[in-house]
């Protein structure tokens, strides 16, 4: 892969990582604040009704799920950045061919070309 292509993908991945980390911080801040308010009982918006408590618990669980998912995505971004550094980015781990530029733009963390990914799913 050309040096300018690698630079493009590195900047793309760094931008995605920064965006996700910013979003993760917001979600974590909201979850921590909500959990702290509920535990201290100082938030008047929390009801003592069981249905409301269940909804609140579900919302916290959903927030933690999103943080977990984003954490995994950041891990994949870091692995892709390592592949850029060691010169293996854009090479399919299945067949060893170069992954098309369009696929890398759509899924910059991918390690497989479309054909190998489809075989993997079968």
N, C-alpha and C. Protein backbone atom coordinates (compact mmCIF):
# COMPACT_ATOMS: atom_id res chain seq x y z
N UNK A 1 0.84 -1.17 0.00
CA UNK A 1 0.00 0.00 0.00
C UNK A 1 0.89 1.24 0.00
N UNK A 2 0.42 2.26 -0.70
CA UNK A 2 1.19 3.49 -0.81
C UNK A 2 1.24 4.24 0.52
N UNK A 3 2.31 4.99 0.70
CA UNK A 3 2.52 5.75 1.93
C UNK A 3 1.39 6.75 2.18
N UNK A 4 0.93 7.43 1.12
CA UNK A 4 -0.15 8.40 1.31
C UNK A 4 -1.47 7.72 1.69
N UNK A 5 -1.69 6.49 1.19
CA UNK A 5 -2.88 5.72 1.58
C UNK A 5 -2.80 5.34 3.05
N UNK A 6 -1.63 4.89 3.48
CA UNK A 6 -1.45 4.53 4.88
C UNK A 6 -1.66 5.74 5.79
N UNK A 7 -1.17 6.90 5.35
CA UNK A 7 -1.35 8.12 6.13
C UNK A 7 -2.84 8.46 6.22
N UNK A 8 -3.56 8.32 5.11
CA UNK A 8 -5.00 8.59 5.08
C UNK A 8 -5.73 7.69 6.08
N UNK A 9 -5.43 6.39 6.05
CA UNK A 9 -6.12 5.46 6.93
C UNK A 9 -5.72 5.66 8.40
N UNK A 10 -4.48 6.03 8.63
CA UNK A 10 -4.05 6.30 10.00
C UNK A 10 -4.82 7.49 10.56
N UNK A 11 -4.95 8.55 9.77
CA UNK A 11 -5.70 9.72 10.22
C UNK A 11 -7.18 9.38 10.42
N UNK A 12 -7.74 8.56 9.53
CA UNK A 12 -9.13 8.13 9.65
C UNK A 12 -9.33 7.34 10.95
N UNK A 13 -8.45 6.41 11.22
CA UNK A 13 -8.55 5.59 12.43
C UNK A 13 -8.35 6.43 13.70
N UNK A 14 -7.38 7.34 13.67
CA UNK A 14 -7.16 8.20 14.83
C UNK A 14 -8.37 9.08 15.11
N UNK A 15 -8.99 9.58 14.04
CA UNK A 15 -10.19 10.40 14.19
C UNK A 15 -11.35 9.61 14.78
N UNK A 16 -11.54 8.37 14.30
CA UNK A 16 -12.60 7.52 14.83
C UNK A 16 -12.34 7.20 16.30
N UNK A 17 -11.08 6.92 16.63
CA UNK A 17 -10.75 6.59 18.01
C UNK A 17 -11.02 7.78 18.93
N UNK A 18 -10.64 8.96 18.51
CA UNK A 18 -10.87 10.16 19.31
C UNK A 18 -12.37 10.39 19.53
N UNK A 19 -13.14 10.23 18.46
CA UNK A 19 -14.60 10.42 18.55
C UNK A 19 -15.23 9.42 19.52
N UNK A 20 -14.83 8.16 19.42
CA UNK A 20 -15.40 7.12 20.28
C UNK A 20 -14.99 7.36 21.73
N UNK A 21 -13.74 7.70 21.96
CA UNK A 21 -13.29 7.95 23.34
C UNK A 21 -14.04 9.12 23.95
N UNK A 22 -14.31 10.13 23.15
CA UNK A 22 -15.08 11.28 23.63
C UNK A 22 -16.50 10.82 24.00
N UNK A 23 -17.13 10.04 23.13
CA UNK A 23 -18.48 9.54 23.40
C UNK A 23 -18.49 8.62 24.61
N UNK A 24 -17.48 7.78 24.74
CA UNK A 24 -17.42 6.88 25.90
C UNK A 24 -17.33 7.68 27.20
N UNK A 25 -16.59 8.75 27.19
CA UNK A 25 -16.48 9.58 28.37
C UNK A 25 -17.82 10.19 28.75
N UNK A 26 -18.58 10.61 27.76
CA UNK A 26 -19.90 11.19 28.02
C UNK A 26 -20.82 10.14 28.60
N UNK A 27 -20.85 8.96 28.00
CA UNK A 27 -21.72 7.88 28.48
C UNK A 27 -21.33 7.48 29.90
N UNK A 28 -20.03 7.35 30.15
CA UNK A 28 -19.59 6.96 31.49
C UNK A 28 -19.94 8.03 32.51
N UNK A 29 -19.77 9.31 32.13
CA UNK A 29 -20.12 10.39 33.05
C UNK A 29 -21.60 10.35 33.42
N UNK A 30 -22.44 10.15 32.41
CA UNK A 30 -23.88 10.09 32.66
C UNK A 30 -24.22 8.90 33.54
N UNK A 31 -23.65 7.74 33.25
CA UNK A 31 -23.93 6.54 34.02
C UNK A 31 -23.47 6.68 35.46
N UNK A 32 -22.30 7.23 35.66
CA UNK A 32 -21.77 7.39 37.01
C UNK A 32 -22.64 8.37 37.79
N UNK A 33 -23.02 9.47 37.16
CA UNK A 33 -23.87 10.45 37.84
C UNK A 33 -25.22 9.84 38.20
N UNK A 34 -25.82 9.10 37.28
CA UNK A 34 -27.12 8.48 37.55
C UNK A 34 -27.01 7.45 38.67
N UNK A 35 -25.98 6.64 38.64
CA UNK A 35 -25.79 5.62 39.66
C UNK A 35 -25.56 6.26 41.02
N UNK A 36 -24.75 7.31 41.05
CA UNK A 36 -24.46 8.01 42.30
C UNK A 36 -25.72 8.64 42.87
N UNK A 37 -26.50 9.28 42.02
CA UNK A 37 -27.74 9.91 42.47
C UNK A 37 -28.69 8.87 43.05
N UNK A 38 -28.81 7.73 42.35
CA UNK A 38 -29.73 6.71 42.82
C UNK A 38 -29.27 6.13 44.14
N UNK A 39 -27.98 5.88 44.25
CA UNK A 39 -27.46 5.27 45.47
C UNK A 39 -27.61 6.20 46.67
N UNK A 40 -27.45 7.49 46.44
CA UNK A 40 -27.55 8.43 47.56
C UNK A 40 -28.99 8.81 47.86
N UNK A 41 -29.88 8.57 46.89
CA UNK A 41 -31.28 8.89 47.09
C UNK A 41 -31.56 10.38 47.04
N UNK A 42 -30.63 11.16 46.47
CA UNK A 42 -30.80 12.61 46.46
C UNK A 42 -31.49 13.12 45.21
N UNK A 43 -31.74 12.27 44.25
CA UNK A 43 -32.36 12.73 43.01
C UNK A 43 -33.87 12.54 43.09
N UNK A 44 -34.59 13.63 43.00
CA UNK A 44 -36.04 13.57 43.13
C UNK A 44 -36.70 12.95 41.91
N UNK A 45 -35.98 12.81 40.78
CA UNK A 45 -36.60 12.24 39.60
C UNK A 45 -36.73 10.73 39.69
N UNK A 46 -36.01 10.11 40.59
CA UNK A 46 -36.13 8.67 40.75
C UNK A 46 -37.32 8.35 41.64
N UNK A 47 -38.14 7.48 41.14
CA UNK A 47 -39.33 7.08 41.88
C UNK A 47 -39.02 5.82 42.67
N UNK A 48 -39.84 5.57 43.63
CA UNK A 48 -39.67 4.34 44.40
C UNK A 48 -40.51 3.22 43.80
N UNK A 49 -41.19 3.50 42.71
CA UNK A 49 -42.01 2.46 42.06
C UNK A 49 -41.10 1.45 41.38
N UNK A 50 -41.43 0.17 41.51
CA UNK A 50 -40.58 -0.90 40.96
C UNK A 50 -40.41 -0.78 39.45
N UNK A 51 -41.45 -0.39 38.72
CA UNK A 51 -41.35 -0.27 37.26
C UNK A 51 -40.36 0.82 36.88
N UNK A 52 -40.39 1.92 37.60
CA UNK A 52 -39.44 3.00 37.32
C UNK A 52 -38.02 2.56 37.64
N UNK A 53 -37.85 1.84 38.71
CA UNK A 53 -36.52 1.35 39.07
C UNK A 53 -36.02 0.37 38.00
N UNK A 54 -36.92 -0.45 37.48
CA UNK A 54 -36.53 -1.38 36.42
C UNK A 54 -36.11 -0.66 35.15
N UNK A 55 -36.84 0.38 34.80
CA UNK A 55 -36.49 1.18 33.62
C UNK A 55 -35.13 1.84 33.81
N UNK A 56 -34.90 2.39 34.98
CA UNK A 56 -33.62 3.03 35.28
C UNK A 56 -32.48 2.03 35.18
N UNK A 57 -32.70 0.84 35.72
CA UNK A 57 -31.67 -0.20 35.66
C UNK A 57 -31.40 -0.61 34.22
N UNK A 58 -32.46 -0.69 33.42
CA UNK A 58 -32.30 -1.05 32.01
C UNK A 58 -31.49 0.02 31.26
N UNK A 59 -31.75 1.28 31.55
CA UNK A 59 -31.01 2.37 30.90
C UNK A 59 -29.52 2.33 31.28
N UNK A 60 -29.23 2.05 32.54
CA UNK A 60 -27.83 1.94 32.97
C UNK A 60 -27.16 0.76 32.28
N UNK A 61 -27.88 -0.35 32.20
CA UNK A 61 -27.33 -1.54 31.55
C UNK A 61 -27.04 -1.26 30.08
N UNK A 62 -27.94 -0.54 29.42
CA UNK A 62 -27.74 -0.18 28.02
C UNK A 62 -26.51 0.71 27.87
N UNK A 63 -26.34 1.67 28.77
CA UNK A 63 -25.18 2.56 28.71
C UNK A 63 -23.89 1.77 28.89
N UNK A 64 -23.88 0.83 29.83
CA UNK A 64 -22.69 0.00 30.03
C UNK A 64 -22.42 -0.89 28.81
N UNK A 65 -23.47 -1.38 28.16
CA UNK A 65 -23.30 -2.16 26.94
C UNK A 65 -22.62 -1.33 25.86
N UNK A 66 -23.09 -0.08 25.69
CA UNK A 66 -22.49 0.78 24.67
C UNK A 66 -21.03 1.07 24.97
N UNK A 67 -20.71 1.31 26.22
CA UNK A 67 -19.31 1.56 26.59
C UNK A 67 -18.48 0.32 26.31
N UNK A 68 -19.00 -0.86 26.63
CA UNK A 68 -18.28 -2.10 26.39
C UNK A 68 -18.05 -2.32 24.89
N UNK A 69 -19.09 -2.06 24.10
CA UNK A 69 -18.98 -2.22 22.64
C UNK A 69 -17.95 -1.25 22.08
N UNK A 70 -18.01 0.00 22.54
CA UNK A 70 -17.07 1.00 22.06
C UNK A 70 -15.64 0.68 22.48
N UNK A 71 -15.49 0.13 23.69
CA UNK A 71 -14.16 -0.27 24.16
C UNK A 71 -13.57 -1.33 23.24
N UNK A 72 -14.39 -2.28 22.82
CA UNK A 72 -13.93 -3.33 21.91
C UNK A 72 -13.54 -2.72 20.56
N UNK A 73 -14.32 -1.75 20.08
CA UNK A 73 -14.02 -1.10 18.81
C UNK A 73 -12.71 -0.33 18.88
N UNK A 74 -12.46 0.33 20.00
CA UNK A 74 -11.19 1.05 20.19
C UNK A 74 -10.03 0.06 20.14
N UNK A 75 -10.24 -1.12 20.72
CA UNK A 75 -9.20 -2.16 20.68
C UNK A 75 -8.90 -2.54 19.22
N UNK A 76 -9.95 -2.71 18.41
CA UNK A 76 -9.75 -3.04 17.00
C UNK A 76 -9.05 -1.90 16.25
N UNK A 77 -9.38 -0.67 16.59
CA UNK A 77 -8.72 0.48 15.97
C UNK A 77 -7.23 0.47 16.32
N UNK A 78 -6.90 0.22 17.58
CA UNK A 78 -5.50 0.17 18.00
C UNK A 78 -4.75 -0.94 17.28
N UNK A 79 -5.40 -2.08 17.09
CA UNK A 79 -4.77 -3.18 16.35
C UNK A 79 -4.53 -2.78 14.90
N UNK A 80 -5.49 -2.07 14.28
CA UNK A 80 -5.31 -1.61 12.90
C UNK A 80 -4.16 -0.61 12.82
N UNK A 81 -4.05 0.26 13.81
CA UNK A 81 -2.93 1.21 13.83
C UNK A 81 -1.59 0.48 13.96
N UNK A 82 -1.57 -0.59 14.73
CA UNK A 82 -0.34 -1.41 14.83
C UNK A 82 0.00 -2.03 13.49
N UNK A 83 -1.03 -2.49 12.76
CA UNK A 83 -0.78 -3.08 11.44
C UNK A 83 -0.24 -2.04 10.48
N UNK A 84 -0.69 -0.80 10.61
CA UNK A 84 -0.14 0.27 9.76
C UNK A 84 1.34 0.43 10.07
N UNK A 85 1.68 0.44 11.36
CA UNK A 85 3.07 0.63 11.77
C UNK A 85 3.98 -0.52 11.33
N UNK A 86 3.45 -1.76 11.38
CA UNK A 86 4.31 -2.88 11.01
C UNK A 86 4.19 -3.29 9.54
N UNK A 87 3.40 -2.54 8.76
CA UNK A 87 3.34 -2.76 7.33
C UNK A 87 2.41 -3.86 6.87
N UNK A 88 1.51 -4.33 7.72
CA UNK A 88 0.59 -5.39 7.32
C UNK A 88 -0.84 -4.90 7.13
N UNK A 89 -1.06 -3.60 7.28
CA UNK A 89 -2.41 -3.05 7.12
C UNK A 89 -2.83 -3.17 5.66
N UNK A 90 -4.07 -3.57 5.45
CA UNK A 90 -4.61 -3.69 4.10
C UNK A 90 -4.31 -5.01 3.43
N UNK A 91 -3.70 -5.93 4.15
CA UNK A 91 -3.42 -7.26 3.63
C UNK A 91 -4.39 -8.24 4.29
N UNK A 92 -5.12 -8.98 3.50
CA UNK A 92 -6.11 -9.93 4.01
C UNK A 92 -5.41 -11.06 4.76
N UNK A 93 -5.88 -11.32 5.98
CA UNK A 93 -5.29 -12.40 6.77
C UNK A 93 -5.78 -13.77 6.29
N UNK A 94 -6.80 -13.78 5.44
CA UNK A 94 -7.32 -15.04 4.92
C UNK A 94 -6.56 -15.53 3.69
N UNK A 95 -6.44 -14.64 2.71
CA UNK A 95 -5.84 -15.06 1.44
C UNK A 95 -4.51 -14.38 1.13
N UNK A 96 -4.17 -13.34 1.89
CA UNK A 96 -2.91 -12.64 1.68
C UNK A 96 -2.94 -11.60 0.58
N UNK A 97 -4.10 -11.38 -0.03
CA UNK A 97 -4.24 -10.37 -1.08
C UNK A 97 -4.47 -9.00 -0.46
N UNK A 98 -4.29 -7.98 -1.27
CA UNK A 98 -4.54 -6.62 -0.80
C UNK A 98 -6.05 -6.38 -0.71
N UNK A 99 -6.48 -5.81 0.40
CA UNK A 99 -7.90 -5.50 0.61
C UNK A 99 -8.20 -4.23 -0.20
N UNK A 100 -9.29 -4.23 -0.97
CA UNK A 100 -9.62 -3.04 -1.77
C UNK A 100 -9.79 -1.78 -0.92
N UNK A 101 -9.37 -0.67 -1.49
CA UNK A 101 -9.42 0.63 -0.82
C UNK A 101 -10.84 0.96 -0.35
N UNK A 102 -11.84 0.67 -1.17
CA UNK A 102 -13.23 0.97 -0.83
C UNK A 102 -13.66 0.20 0.42
N UNK A 103 -13.24 -1.05 0.54
CA UNK A 103 -13.60 -1.83 1.73
C UNK A 103 -12.93 -1.24 2.97
N UNK A 104 -11.68 -0.85 2.85
CA UNK A 104 -10.97 -0.26 3.98
C UNK A 104 -11.59 1.07 4.40
N UNK A 105 -12.11 1.83 3.44
CA UNK A 105 -12.78 3.07 3.79
C UNK A 105 -14.07 2.79 4.54
N UNK A 106 -14.80 1.77 4.10
CA UNK A 106 -16.07 1.42 4.74
C UNK A 106 -15.85 0.80 6.12
N UNK A 107 -14.86 -0.08 6.22
CA UNK A 107 -14.55 -0.78 7.48
C UNK A 107 -13.04 -0.72 7.69
N UNK A 108 -12.54 0.40 8.21
CA UNK A 108 -11.09 0.57 8.31
C UNK A 108 -10.40 -0.38 9.28
N UNK A 109 -11.14 -1.08 10.13
CA UNK A 109 -10.53 -2.02 11.07
C UNK A 109 -10.47 -3.43 10.51
N UNK A 110 -10.99 -3.64 9.32
CA UNK A 110 -11.09 -4.99 8.76
C UNK A 110 -9.72 -5.63 8.56
N UNK A 111 -9.71 -6.94 8.69
CA UNK A 111 -8.49 -7.70 8.43
C UNK A 111 -8.67 -8.67 7.26
N UNK A 112 -9.90 -8.67 6.70
CA UNK A 112 -10.19 -9.62 5.63
C UNK A 112 -10.88 -8.93 4.46
N UNK A 113 -10.63 -9.46 3.28
CA UNK A 113 -11.34 -9.00 2.10
C UNK A 113 -12.78 -9.53 2.17
N UNK A 114 -13.64 -9.04 1.32
CA UNK A 114 -15.05 -9.44 1.36
C UNK A 114 -15.20 -10.95 1.14
N UNK A 115 -14.46 -11.49 0.19
CA UNK A 115 -14.59 -12.92 -0.13
C UNK A 115 -14.25 -13.79 1.07
N UNK A 116 -13.14 -13.47 1.74
CA UNK A 116 -12.73 -14.27 2.90
C UNK A 116 -13.70 -14.07 4.07
N UNK A 117 -14.23 -12.87 4.23
CA UNK A 117 -15.19 -12.62 5.29
C UNK A 117 -16.48 -13.43 5.03
N UNK A 118 -16.89 -13.49 3.78
CA UNK A 118 -18.09 -14.26 3.43
C UNK A 118 -17.86 -15.76 3.67
N UNK A 119 -16.69 -16.26 3.34
CA UNK A 119 -16.37 -17.67 3.61
C UNK A 119 -16.38 -17.96 5.10
N UNK A 120 -15.92 -17.00 5.88
CA UNK A 120 -15.86 -17.15 7.33
C UNK A 120 -17.26 -17.28 7.94
N UNK A 121 -18.22 -16.58 7.36
CA UNK A 121 -19.59 -16.59 7.87
C UNK A 121 -20.36 -17.85 7.49
N UNK A 122 -19.88 -18.58 6.51
CA UNK A 122 -20.61 -19.78 6.05
C UNK A 122 -20.35 -20.97 6.92
